[in-house]
Amino acid sequence: MTTQRFTFKQFQKFDIRVGTIIKAQPSPDARVPSFQLEIDFGELGRKRTSARITDHYTPGELVGRQVLGVVNFPPKRIGKFVSEVLVLGGYESDNSVRLLIPEQPITNGVKLK
C-alpha cells in the first residue's frame, strides 16, 4: 500500500483542534449507522459532525470525551445533516473506527502543532 506524500508546510494547513463532545445521538437518516455529534472547541465555538463510530461507542460513552478534529474543512452535507468538522479516528481491520483521543484532559480549542 502506498500513501500520498505531503510536505510539512502542507500539513500545517490542516487546523486540528481538541474538543469535548457535549451531545451525541444516533443519526436517524443515515444509510450507514452513525452518530451526530456536537463538539465544544473552546474559542471556536460548538461544531457539529456525523461520525461512523457506532461499533465501539454509545452516545452515553461519547458525551464528555475529548476528541481531535479538523475544523477548517468546508461544511459537508450528509443527507439532511450538515457536518462542520472531521473527527479523527483510525480504521480497524474490520472497517470499524476508533477515535483518536488525547491521553490526558486538555483545554478545548488547543491546536495540534
N, C-alpha and C. Protein backbone atom coordinates (compact mmCIF):
# COMPACT_ATOMS: atom_id res chain seq x y z
N MET A 1 0.84 -1.18 0.00
CA MET A 1 0.00 0.00 0.00
C MET A 1 0.89 1.24 0.00
N THR A 2 0.63 2.14 -0.90
CA THR A 2 1.39 3.39 -0.95
C THR A 2 0.52 4.52 -0.42
N THR A 3 1.16 5.50 0.16
CA THR A 3 0.43 6.65 0.67
C THR A 3 0.90 7.90 -0.05
N GLN A 4 -0.01 8.83 -0.15
CA GLN A 4 0.34 10.11 -0.78
C GLN A 4 1.22 10.89 0.17
N ARG A 5 2.24 11.52 -0.35
CA ARG A 5 3.17 12.29 0.48
C ARG A 5 2.81 13.77 0.45
N PHE A 6 2.95 14.39 1.61
CA PHE A 6 2.72 15.82 1.76
C PHE A 6 3.95 16.42 2.43
N THR A 7 4.15 17.69 2.20
CA THR A 7 5.23 18.39 2.90
C THR A 7 4.71 18.83 4.26
N PHE A 8 5.63 19.16 5.16
CA PHE A 8 5.23 19.65 6.46
C PHE A 8 4.44 20.95 6.32
N LYS A 9 4.83 21.78 5.37
CA LYS A 9 4.11 23.04 5.13
C LYS A 9 2.66 22.76 4.73
N GLN A 10 2.43 21.73 3.93
CA GLN A 10 1.06 21.37 3.56
C GLN A 10 0.29 20.85 4.77
N PHE A 11 0.95 20.05 5.60
CA PHE A 11 0.31 19.52 6.81
C PHE A 11 -0.14 20.65 7.72
N GLN A 12 0.65 21.69 7.81
CA GLN A 12 0.32 22.81 8.70
C GLN A 12 -0.96 23.54 8.30
N LYS A 13 -1.42 23.33 7.09
CA LYS A 13 -2.68 23.96 6.64
C LYS A 13 -3.90 23.33 7.31
N PHE A 14 -3.76 22.09 7.79
CA PHE A 14 -4.85 21.43 8.49
C PHE A 14 -4.95 22.01 9.89
N ASP A 15 -6.11 22.54 10.25
CA ASP A 15 -6.32 23.10 11.58
C ASP A 15 -6.97 22.01 12.43
N ILE A 16 -6.14 21.29 13.19
CA ILE A 16 -6.60 20.18 14.02
C ILE A 16 -6.66 20.66 15.46
N ARG A 17 -7.85 20.55 16.05
CA ARG A 17 -8.08 21.07 17.40
C ARG A 17 -8.65 19.99 18.31
N VAL A 18 -8.51 20.24 19.62
CA VAL A 18 -9.10 19.39 20.65
C VAL A 18 -10.47 19.95 21.00
N GLY A 19 -11.44 19.06 21.12
CA GLY A 19 -12.78 19.47 21.54
C GLY A 19 -13.40 18.40 22.42
N THR A 20 -14.43 18.79 23.14
CA THR A 20 -15.16 17.87 24.01
C THR A 20 -16.56 17.64 23.44
N ILE A 21 -16.92 16.39 23.31
CA ILE A 21 -18.26 16.04 22.83
C ILE A 21 -19.27 16.42 23.90
N ILE A 22 -20.24 17.27 23.54
CA ILE A 22 -21.25 17.69 24.50
C ILE A 22 -22.63 17.10 24.20
N LYS A 23 -22.78 16.56 22.99
CA LYS A 23 -24.05 15.93 22.63
C LYS A 23 -23.76 14.83 21.60
N ALA A 24 -24.41 13.68 21.76
CA ALA A 24 -24.26 12.57 20.83
C ALA A 24 -25.60 11.87 20.71
N GLN A 25 -26.01 11.63 19.46
CA GLN A 25 -27.26 10.93 19.24
C GLN A 25 -27.18 10.15 17.93
N PRO A 26 -27.95 9.06 17.83
CA PRO A 26 -27.96 8.32 16.57
C PRO A 26 -28.43 9.22 15.43
N SER A 27 -27.87 9.00 14.27
CA SER A 27 -28.25 9.76 13.08
C SER A 27 -29.45 9.06 12.44
N PRO A 28 -30.65 9.65 12.54
CA PRO A 28 -31.85 8.94 12.12
C PRO A 28 -31.95 8.67 10.62
N ASP A 29 -31.35 9.50 9.79
CA ASP A 29 -31.48 9.36 8.34
C ASP A 29 -30.27 8.72 7.67
N ALA A 30 -29.29 8.27 8.45
CA ALA A 30 -28.05 7.74 7.87
C ALA A 30 -28.26 6.38 7.22
N ARG A 31 -27.64 6.18 6.04
CA ARG A 31 -27.67 4.88 5.38
C ARG A 31 -26.77 3.90 6.12
N VAL A 32 -25.65 4.40 6.63
CA VAL A 32 -24.71 3.60 7.42
C VAL A 32 -24.84 4.10 8.86
N PRO A 33 -24.97 3.19 9.85
CA PRO A 33 -25.14 3.64 11.23
C PRO A 33 -24.05 4.65 11.63
N SER A 34 -24.49 5.76 12.20
CA SER A 34 -23.56 6.80 12.62
C SER A 34 -24.20 7.64 13.73
N PHE A 35 -23.38 8.48 14.34
CA PHE A 35 -23.86 9.39 15.37
C PHE A 35 -23.70 10.82 14.90
N GLN A 36 -24.64 11.67 15.30
CA GLN A 36 -24.50 13.10 15.14
C GLN A 36 -23.90 13.62 16.44
N LEU A 37 -22.79 14.34 16.32
CA LEU A 37 -22.09 14.85 17.50
C LEU A 37 -22.08 16.37 17.50
N GLU A 38 -22.15 16.94 18.68
CA GLU A 38 -21.90 18.38 18.86
C GLU A 38 -20.67 18.47 19.75
N ILE A 39 -19.67 19.22 19.29
CA ILE A 39 -18.38 19.26 19.96
C ILE A 39 -18.03 20.70 20.32
N ASP A 40 -17.58 20.90 21.55
CA ASP A 40 -17.16 22.22 22.02
C ASP A 40 -15.67 22.39 21.74
N PHE A 41 -15.34 23.33 20.85
CA PHE A 41 -13.96 23.62 20.50
C PHE A 41 -13.49 24.93 21.13
N GLY A 42 -13.96 25.23 22.33
CA GLY A 42 -13.49 26.42 23.05
C GLY A 42 -13.79 27.69 22.29
N GLU A 43 -12.74 28.48 22.03
CA GLU A 43 -12.90 29.78 21.38
C GLU A 43 -13.51 29.69 19.98
N LEU A 44 -13.43 28.53 19.35
CA LEU A 44 -14.02 28.34 18.02
C LEU A 44 -15.51 28.05 18.09
N GLY A 45 -16.02 27.81 19.28
CA GLY A 45 -17.43 27.51 19.46
C GLY A 45 -17.75 26.04 19.30
N ARG A 46 -19.04 25.78 19.17
CA ARG A 46 -19.52 24.42 19.02
C ARG A 46 -19.69 24.09 17.54
N LYS A 47 -19.28 22.89 17.19
CA LYS A 47 -19.40 22.44 15.80
C LYS A 47 -20.05 21.07 15.79
N ARG A 48 -20.75 20.79 14.69
CA ARG A 48 -21.47 19.52 14.56
C ARG A 48 -20.78 18.64 13.51
N THR A 49 -20.91 17.34 13.71
CA THR A 49 -20.37 16.38 12.75
C THR A 49 -21.17 15.09 12.80
N SER A 50 -21.01 14.30 11.77
CA SER A 50 -21.55 12.96 11.72
C SER A 50 -20.37 12.00 11.70
N ALA A 51 -20.42 10.97 12.52
CA ALA A 51 -19.29 10.05 12.63
C ALA A 51 -19.78 8.61 12.65
N ARG A 52 -19.12 7.76 11.86
CA ARG A 52 -19.45 6.33 11.78
C ARG A 52 -18.66 5.58 12.84
N ILE A 53 -19.04 5.77 14.08
CA ILE A 53 -18.29 5.20 15.20
C ILE A 53 -19.18 4.33 16.09
N THR A 54 -20.27 3.81 15.53
CA THR A 54 -21.24 3.07 16.33
C THR A 54 -20.78 1.68 16.76
N ASP A 55 -19.73 1.16 16.15
CA ASP A 55 -19.26 -0.19 16.50
C ASP A 55 -18.62 -0.25 17.89
N HIS A 56 -18.00 0.84 18.32
CA HIS A 56 -17.25 0.81 19.57
C HIS A 56 -17.75 1.77 20.64
N TYR A 57 -18.75 2.59 20.30
CA TYR A 57 -19.19 3.63 21.24
C TYR A 57 -20.71 3.70 21.30
N THR A 58 -21.21 4.19 22.44
CA THR A 58 -22.62 4.53 22.58
C THR A 58 -22.68 6.04 22.81
N PRO A 59 -23.84 6.66 22.56
CA PRO A 59 -23.93 8.11 22.83
C PRO A 59 -23.53 8.48 24.26
N GLY A 60 -23.94 7.67 25.22
CA GLY A 60 -23.60 7.96 26.61
C GLY A 60 -22.11 7.92 26.90
N GLU A 61 -21.39 7.03 26.22
CA GLU A 61 -19.94 6.94 26.40
C GLU A 61 -19.21 8.12 25.75
N LEU A 62 -19.82 8.70 24.74
CA LEU A 62 -19.16 9.77 23.98
C LEU A 62 -19.24 11.13 24.66
N VAL A 63 -20.36 11.42 25.30
CA VAL A 63 -20.53 12.73 25.94
C VAL A 63 -19.47 12.90 27.03
N GLY A 64 -18.73 14.01 26.94
CA GLY A 64 -17.65 14.31 27.89
C GLY A 64 -16.28 13.85 27.42
N ARG A 65 -16.24 13.06 26.35
CA ARG A 65 -14.97 12.57 25.82
C ARG A 65 -14.33 13.62 24.93
N GLN A 66 -13.03 13.78 25.05
CA GLN A 66 -12.31 14.70 24.18
C GLN A 66 -11.86 13.97 22.91
N VAL A 67 -11.87 14.72 21.81
CA VAL A 67 -11.50 14.18 20.50
C VAL A 67 -10.65 15.20 19.76
N LEU A 68 -10.07 14.75 18.66
CA LEU A 68 -9.34 15.63 17.75
C LEU A 68 -10.17 15.79 16.49
N GLY A 69 -10.22 17.02 15.97
CA GLY A 69 -10.99 17.24 14.76
C GLY A 69 -10.35 18.28 13.86
N VAL A 70 -10.51 18.09 12.55
CA VAL A 70 -10.07 19.08 11.57
C VAL A 70 -11.21 20.07 11.44
N VAL A 71 -10.94 21.33 11.80
CA VAL A 71 -12.00 22.33 11.87
C VAL A 71 -12.04 23.29 10.68
N ASN A 72 -11.11 23.16 9.74
CA ASN A 72 -11.09 24.12 8.63
C ASN A 72 -11.44 23.51 7.27
N PHE A 73 -12.12 22.38 7.27
CA PHE A 73 -12.69 21.87 6.02
C PHE A 73 -14.02 22.59 5.78
N PRO A 74 -14.43 22.72 4.53
CA PRO A 74 -15.74 23.33 4.29
C PRO A 74 -16.85 22.41 4.80
N PRO A 75 -18.00 22.97 5.19
CA PRO A 75 -19.12 22.13 5.63
C PRO A 75 -19.50 21.13 4.55
N LYS A 76 -19.96 19.95 4.99
CA LYS A 76 -20.34 18.89 4.05
C LYS A 76 -21.75 18.41 4.41
N ARG A 77 -22.62 18.41 3.43
CA ARG A 77 -23.98 17.93 3.65
C ARG A 77 -23.98 16.40 3.58
N ILE A 78 -24.55 15.79 4.62
CA ILE A 78 -24.70 14.35 4.69
C ILE A 78 -26.20 14.10 4.88
N GLY A 79 -26.89 13.87 3.78
CA GLY A 79 -28.36 13.79 3.84
C GLY A 79 -28.91 15.15 4.23
N LYS A 80 -29.70 15.19 5.29
CA LYS A 80 -30.28 16.45 5.78
C LYS A 80 -29.36 17.16 6.76
N PHE A 81 -28.28 16.51 7.14
CA PHE A 81 -27.37 17.00 8.19
C PHE A 81 -26.16 17.69 7.57
N VAL A 82 -25.71 18.78 8.19
CA VAL A 82 -24.51 19.47 7.72
C VAL A 82 -23.39 19.23 8.73
N SER A 83 -22.31 18.61 8.26
CA SER A 83 -21.15 18.33 9.09
C SER A 83 -20.15 19.48 8.95
N GLU A 84 -19.69 20.00 10.08
CA GLU A 84 -18.81 21.16 10.08
C GLU A 84 -17.36 20.84 10.45
N VAL A 85 -17.10 19.62 10.88
CA VAL A 85 -15.77 19.25 11.35
C VAL A 85 -15.55 17.77 11.05
N LEU A 86 -14.30 17.38 10.84
CA LEU A 86 -13.96 15.98 10.62
C LEU A 86 -13.27 15.45 11.88
N VAL A 87 -13.95 14.56 12.58
CA VAL A 87 -13.37 13.94 13.78
C VAL A 87 -12.39 12.88 13.31
N LEU A 88 -11.23 12.81 13.97
CA LEU A 88 -10.18 11.88 13.55
C LEU A 88 -10.28 10.55 14.28
N GLY A 89 -10.07 9.49 13.52
CA GLY A 89 -10.09 8.15 14.07
C GLY A 89 -9.28 7.23 13.20
N GLY A 90 -9.09 6.04 13.66
CA GLY A 90 -8.34 5.04 12.91
C GLY A 90 -9.23 3.86 12.56
N TYR A 91 -9.07 3.36 11.33
CA TYR A 91 -9.84 2.21 10.87
C TYR A 91 -9.16 0.92 11.31
N GLU A 92 -9.95 0.05 11.92
CA GLU A 92 -9.50 -1.29 12.29
C GLU A 92 -9.62 -2.19 11.06
N SER A 93 -9.09 -3.40 11.13
CA SER A 93 -9.13 -4.33 10.00
C SER A 93 -10.56 -4.70 9.60
N ASP A 94 -11.51 -4.60 10.54
CA ASP A 94 -12.91 -4.91 10.22
C ASP A 94 -13.69 -3.68 9.73
N ASN A 95 -12.97 -2.59 9.44
CA ASN A 95 -13.53 -1.32 8.95
C ASN A 95 -14.26 -0.52 10.02
N SER A 96 -14.17 -0.93 11.28
CA SER A 96 -14.73 -0.13 12.36
C SER A 96 -13.74 0.99 12.68
N VAL A 97 -14.24 2.03 13.34
CA VAL A 97 -13.41 3.21 13.62
C VAL A 97 -13.26 3.40 15.12
N ARG A 98 -12.03 3.66 15.54
CA ARG A 98 -11.74 4.05 16.93
C ARG A 98 -11.24 5.48 16.91
N LEU A 99 -11.78 6.29 17.80
CA LEU A 99 -11.41 7.71 17.87
C LEU A 99 -9.98 7.91 18.32
N LEU A 100 -9.34 8.96 17.81
CA LEU A 100 -8.05 9.41 18.32
C LEU A 100 -8.37 10.40 19.43
N ILE A 101 -7.86 10.13 20.61
CA ILE A 101 -8.20 10.95 21.77
C ILE A 101 -6.94 11.38 22.51
N PRO A 102 -6.99 12.56 23.18
CA PRO A 102 -5.85 12.97 23.99
C PRO A 102 -5.64 12.02 25.16
N GLU A 103 -4.39 11.85 25.54
CA GLU A 103 -4.05 10.96 26.64
C GLU A 103 -4.55 11.50 27.98
N GLN A 104 -4.50 12.82 28.12
CA GLN A 104 -4.95 13.49 29.35
C GLN A 104 -5.83 14.67 28.96
N PRO A 105 -6.68 15.16 29.89
CA PRO A 105 -7.53 16.31 29.57
C PRO A 105 -6.68 17.51 29.10
N ILE A 106 -7.22 18.23 28.15
CA ILE A 106 -6.53 19.39 27.58
C ILE A 106 -7.59 20.44 27.27
N THR A 107 -7.22 21.68 27.25
CA THR A 107 -8.15 22.78 27.01
C THR A 107 -8.81 22.67 25.63
N ASN A 108 -10.14 22.81 25.61
CA ASN A 108 -10.86 22.80 24.33
C ASN A 108 -10.33 23.91 23.43
N GLY A 109 -10.13 23.58 22.17
CA GLY A 109 -9.66 24.54 21.19
C GLY A 109 -8.16 24.54 20.98
N VAL A 110 -7.41 23.81 21.82
CA VAL A 110 -5.96 23.75 21.65
C VAL A 110 -5.65 23.17 20.27
N LYS A 111 -4.70 23.79 19.58
CA LYS A 111 -4.34 23.39 18.23
C LYS A 111 -3.21 22.37 18.26
N LEU A 112 -3.36 21.34 17.43
CA LEU A 112 -2.29 20.36 17.25
C LEU A 112 -1.17 21.01 16.45
N LYS A 113 0.05 20.92 16.95
CA LYS A 113 1.20 21.52 16.26
C LYS A 113 2.28 20.49 16.07
